[in-house]
Amino acid sequence: MSANIDNSGLSAGLSALGLDLPAAAQQQLLAFRNLLLKWNKTYNLTALRDPEQAIAHHLLDSLAILPQIGAGPLLDVGSGGGLPGIPLAIARPELVVSMVDTVQKKASFLQQVAIELGLKNVTVHHARVEDLRGQYAQISSRAFAELKLFIELTRHLLAPGGRWLAMKGIRPDAEIAALPADIAVEAVLPLQVPGLDAERHLIILKAGS
């Protein structure tokens, strides 16, 4: 598959999402996709093998939440193959993105991606998130854990006034109902991801006063 075909698919998807990214950022996104599929042969980072599918399932799926990303530092939990952290860092070079994963191989991959793509705004932690320290204005996850556990493991890392951004498939009503009483649901947003025929939702949560 040629780079031109790849780029047109990505460009069309970004346009459908209402996102206008410079050509250099689009090339970085495709370079990240290529690294993901290359390392996947050894490290089992994703079930996908098809380069075109990876554009919709990984790049566009991650970038669908970009309009909801604020200005403060972001922590991406259970980053695995770098989703959504790496695409967000590429699209928003001024955004400080930290990524954490407990698996050494995955953390090594993320570090290599940051080096090869020159992502100065990315920091990678090989650690259990409950052992991490710091304060983050926003904490994201993509299919990391049930909402209640996600909150429990990361509550100490959320800065005052911060938000959790949980990427889910079908609307997780049971998980929402199981949240602690002091957790406020700010929004449950259905996401339309170009080229992806599956439900996607973004759950935005805040800690009550």
Protein backbone atom coordinates (compact mmCIF):
# COMPACT_ATOMS: atom_id res chain seq x y z
CA MET A 1 0.00 0.00 0.00
CA SER A 2 1.47 3.31 -1.04
CA ALA A 3 1.99 6.26 1.26
CA ASN A 4 -0.31 8.34 -0.95
CA ILE A 5 -3.22 5.95 -0.48
CA ASP A 6 -2.51 5.83 3.23
CA ASN A 7 -2.38 9.59 3.45
CA SER A 8 -5.63 10.08 1.55
CA GLY A 9 -7.40 7.63 3.87
CA LEU A 10 -6.09 9.42 6.93
CA SER A 11 -6.83 12.86 5.48
CA ALA A 12 -10.40 11.86 4.63
CA GLY A 13 -10.90 10.46 8.11
CA LEU A 14 -9.54 13.57 9.78
CA SER A 15 -11.80 15.72 7.61
CA ALA A 16 -14.82 13.62 8.61
CA LEU A 17 -13.88 14.19 12.26
CA GLY A 18 -13.63 17.93 11.63
CA LEU A 19 -9.91 17.93 12.40
CA ASP A 20 -7.37 19.96 10.43
CA LEU A 21 -3.88 18.65 11.09
CA PRO A 22 -0.79 19.82 9.21
CA ALA A 23 0.83 17.49 6.69
CA ALA A 24 3.81 16.93 9.00
CA ALA A 25 1.53 15.70 11.79
CA GLN A 26 -0.27 13.37 9.37
CA GLN A 27 3.07 11.90 8.30
CA GLN A 28 3.99 11.39 11.96
CA LEU A 29 0.71 9.59 12.55
CA LEU A 30 1.40 7.23 9.65
CA ALA A 31 4.97 6.71 10.87
CA PHE A 32 3.57 5.80 14.29
CA ARG A 33 1.15 3.34 12.65
CA ASN A 34 4.07 1.75 10.80
CA LEU A 35 6.11 1.41 14.01
CA LEU A 36 3.12 -0.10 15.80
CA LEU A 37 2.64 -2.76 13.14
CA LYS A 38 6.38 -3.43 12.91
CA TRP A 39 6.86 -3.92 16.65
CA ASN A 40 3.59 -5.82 16.85
CA LYS A 41 5.20 -8.78 15.11
CA THR A 42 7.32 -9.32 18.22
CA TYR A 43 5.50 -7.58 21.07
CA ASN A 44 1.83 -8.35 20.38
CA LEU A 45 0.67 -4.74 20.77
CA THR A 46 -2.54 -5.02 18.75
CA ALA A 47 -4.72 -7.71 17.19
CA LEU A 48 -4.78 -5.75 13.94
CA ARG A 49 -2.34 -6.55 11.16
CA ASP A 50 -3.80 -4.55 8.27
CA PRO A 51 -2.26 -1.08 7.74
CA GLU A 52 -5.47 0.44 6.39
CA GLN A 53 -7.58 -0.91 9.25
CA ALA A 54 -5.11 0.52 11.72
CA ILE A 55 -5.87 4.04 10.45
CA ALA A 56 -9.52 3.81 11.51
CA HIS A 57 -9.22 1.49 14.50
CA HIS A 58 -6.20 3.17 16.08
CA LEU A 59 -5.40 6.61 14.67
CA LEU A 60 -8.89 7.98 14.01
CA ASP A 61 -10.38 6.20 17.02
CA SER A 62 -7.84 7.93 19.28
CA LEU A 63 -8.23 11.31 17.62
CA ALA A 64 -12.03 11.22 17.91
CA ILE A 65 -11.62 12.47 21.50
CA LEU A 66 -9.28 15.33 20.54
CA PRO A 67 -12.00 18.04 20.77
CA GLN A 68 -12.51 17.07 24.42
CA ILE A 69 -8.83 17.31 25.38
CA GLY A 70 -8.08 20.36 27.50
CA ALA A 71 -4.89 22.35 28.02
CA GLY A 72 -3.42 20.78 31.16
CA PRO A 73 -1.02 17.82 31.39
CA LEU A 74 -2.52 14.48 30.39
CA LEU A 75 -1.82 11.03 31.78
CA ASP A 76 -2.70 8.09 29.52
CA VAL A 77 -3.19 4.95 31.63
CA GLY A 78 -2.51 1.45 30.34
CA SER A 79 -1.13 2.95 27.16
CA GLY A 80 -0.07 -0.39 25.67
CA GLY A 81 0.50 0.36 22.00
CA GLY A 82 0.32 4.11 22.65
CA LEU A 83 -3.39 4.64 22.18
CA PRO A 84 -4.74 7.27 22.51
CA GLY A 85 -1.63 8.96 23.98
CA ILE A 86 0.69 9.01 20.96
CA PRO A 87 -1.88 10.27 18.40
CA LEU A 88 -2.97 12.97 20.86
CA ALA A 89 0.65 14.01 21.46
CA ILE A 90 1.25 14.24 17.70
CA ALA A 91 -1.91 16.26 17.09
CA ARG A 92 -1.26 18.60 20.03
CA PRO A 93 2.52 19.18 20.27
CA GLU A 94 2.01 21.74 23.06
CA LEU A 95 0.19 19.13 25.18
CA VAL A 96 2.30 17.46 27.88
CA VAL A 97 1.49 13.73 27.63
CA SER A 98 2.62 11.12 30.15
CA MET A 99 1.99 7.45 29.45
CA VAL A 100 2.15 4.55 31.88
CA ASP A 101 2.10 0.79 31.36
CA THR A 102 3.05 -2.08 33.64
CA VAL A 103 4.50 -4.19 30.81
CA GLN A 104 8.19 -3.48 30.16
CA LYS A 105 8.00 -4.39 26.46
CA LYS A 106 5.15 -1.95 25.88
CA ALA A 107 6.88 0.83 27.81
CA SER A 108 10.02 0.21 25.73
CA PHE A 109 7.99 0.48 22.54
CA LEU A 110 6.44 3.76 23.67
CA GLN A 111 9.86 5.17 24.54
CA GLN A 112 11.20 4.16 21.13
CA VAL A 113 8.24 5.81 19.39
CA ALA A 114 8.84 9.06 21.29
CA ILE A 115 12.51 8.99 20.27
CA GLU A 116 12.01 8.05 16.61
CA LEU A 117 9.19 10.55 16.07
CA GLY A 118 10.89 13.31 18.07
CA LEU A 119 7.97 13.71 20.46
CA LYS A 120 9.47 16.04 23.05
CA ASN A 121 6.10 16.34 24.81
CA VAL A 122 5.91 12.62 25.70
CA THR A 123 7.12 10.95 28.90
CA VAL A 124 6.86 7.19 29.41
CA HIS A 125 6.61 5.43 32.78
CA HIS A 126 7.07 1.70 33.28
CA ALA A 127 5.10 1.35 36.51
CA ARG A 128 1.85 0.37 38.14
CA VAL A 129 -0.41 3.39 37.94
CA GLU A 130 -1.26 3.14 41.64
CA ASP A 131 2.46 3.63 42.42
CA LEU A 132 2.78 6.68 40.18
CA ARG A 133 3.07 10.18 41.61
CA GLY A 134 2.17 13.55 40.15
CA GLN A 135 -0.87 15.67 39.36
CA TYR A 136 -2.63 15.66 36.01
CA ALA A 137 -5.43 17.87 34.72
CA GLN A 138 -6.77 15.00 32.62
CA ILE A 139 -6.40 11.23 32.80
CA SER A 140 -7.33 9.11 29.79
CA SER A 141 -7.77 5.40 29.18
CA ARG A 142 -8.84 3.23 26.27
CA ALA A 143 -10.48 -0.02 27.30
CA PHE A 144 -8.26 -0.08 30.41
CA ALA A 145 -10.64 -1.18 33.16
CA GLU A 146 -14.16 -0.76 34.45
CA LEU A 147 -14.87 2.86 35.36
CA LYS A 148 -14.95 2.27 39.12
CA LEU A 149 -11.52 0.58 39.10
CA PHE A 150 -10.12 3.23 36.74
CA ILE A 151 -11.15 5.91 39.26
CA GLU A 152 -9.82 3.98 42.25
CA LEU A 153 -6.40 3.42 40.68
CA THR A 154 -5.91 7.00 39.50
CA ARG A 155 -7.80 9.23 41.93
CA HIS A 156 -4.57 10.29 43.67
CA LEU A 157 -3.20 11.53 40.34
CA LEU A 158 -6.07 13.81 39.33
CA ALA A 159 -5.41 17.49 39.94
CA PRO A 160 -8.15 19.57 41.60
CA GLY A 161 -10.79 20.36 38.98
CA GLY A 162 -9.38 17.68 36.66
CA ARG A 163 -11.29 15.21 34.50
CA TRP A 164 -11.17 11.54 33.67
CA LEU A 165 -11.62 10.63 29.98
CA ALA A 166 -12.58 6.98 29.57
CA MET A 167 -12.87 5.58 26.05
CA LYS A 168 -15.40 2.76 25.82
CA GLY A 169 -17.20 0.72 23.18
CA ILE A 170 -20.91 0.36 23.88
CA ARG A 171 -22.41 2.79 26.39
CA PRO A 172 -21.36 1.38 29.81
CA ASP A 173 -24.52 2.12 31.78
CA ALA A 174 -23.85 -0.58 34.40
CA GLU A 175 -20.34 0.76 35.00
CA ILE A 176 -21.68 4.30 35.33
CA ALA A 177 -24.28 3.13 37.84
CA ALA A 178 -21.53 1.49 39.93
CA LEU A 179 -19.47 4.67 40.29
CA PRO A 180 -18.85 6.09 43.79
CA ALA A 181 -21.36 8.70 44.94
CA ASP A 182 -18.79 11.50 44.83
CA ILE A 183 -17.98 10.99 41.14
CA ALA A 184 -19.92 13.21 38.75
CA VAL A 185 -20.62 12.20 35.17
CA GLU A 186 -19.91 15.33 33.14
CA ALA A 187 -20.77 13.79 29.78
CA VAL A 188 -21.41 10.54 27.93
CA LEU A 189 -20.50 11.29 24.33
CA PRO A 190 -21.15 8.92 21.42
CA LEU A 191 -18.23 9.04 19.00
CA GLN A 192 -18.52 8.58 15.25
CA VAL A 193 -15.23 7.17 14.01
CA PRO A 194 -14.83 7.16 10.19
CA GLY A 195 -14.27 3.66 8.85
CA LEU A 196 -15.19 2.01 12.14
CA ASP A 197 -18.48 0.14 12.22
CA ALA A 198 -18.74 -0.18 15.97
CA GLU A 199 -20.08 1.80 18.90
CA ARG A 200 -17.69 4.15 20.65
CA HIS A 201 -18.32 6.37 23.65
CA LEU A 202 -16.28 8.82 25.68
CA ILE A 203 -17.18 9.02 29.37
CA ILE A 204 -16.06 12.25 31.05
CA LEU A 205 -15.97 12.16 34.85
CA LYS A 206 -15.11 14.61 37.62
CA ALA A 207 -14.60 14.25 41.35
CA GLY A 208 -17.37 15.87 43.36
CA SER A 209 -16.58 18.64 45.81
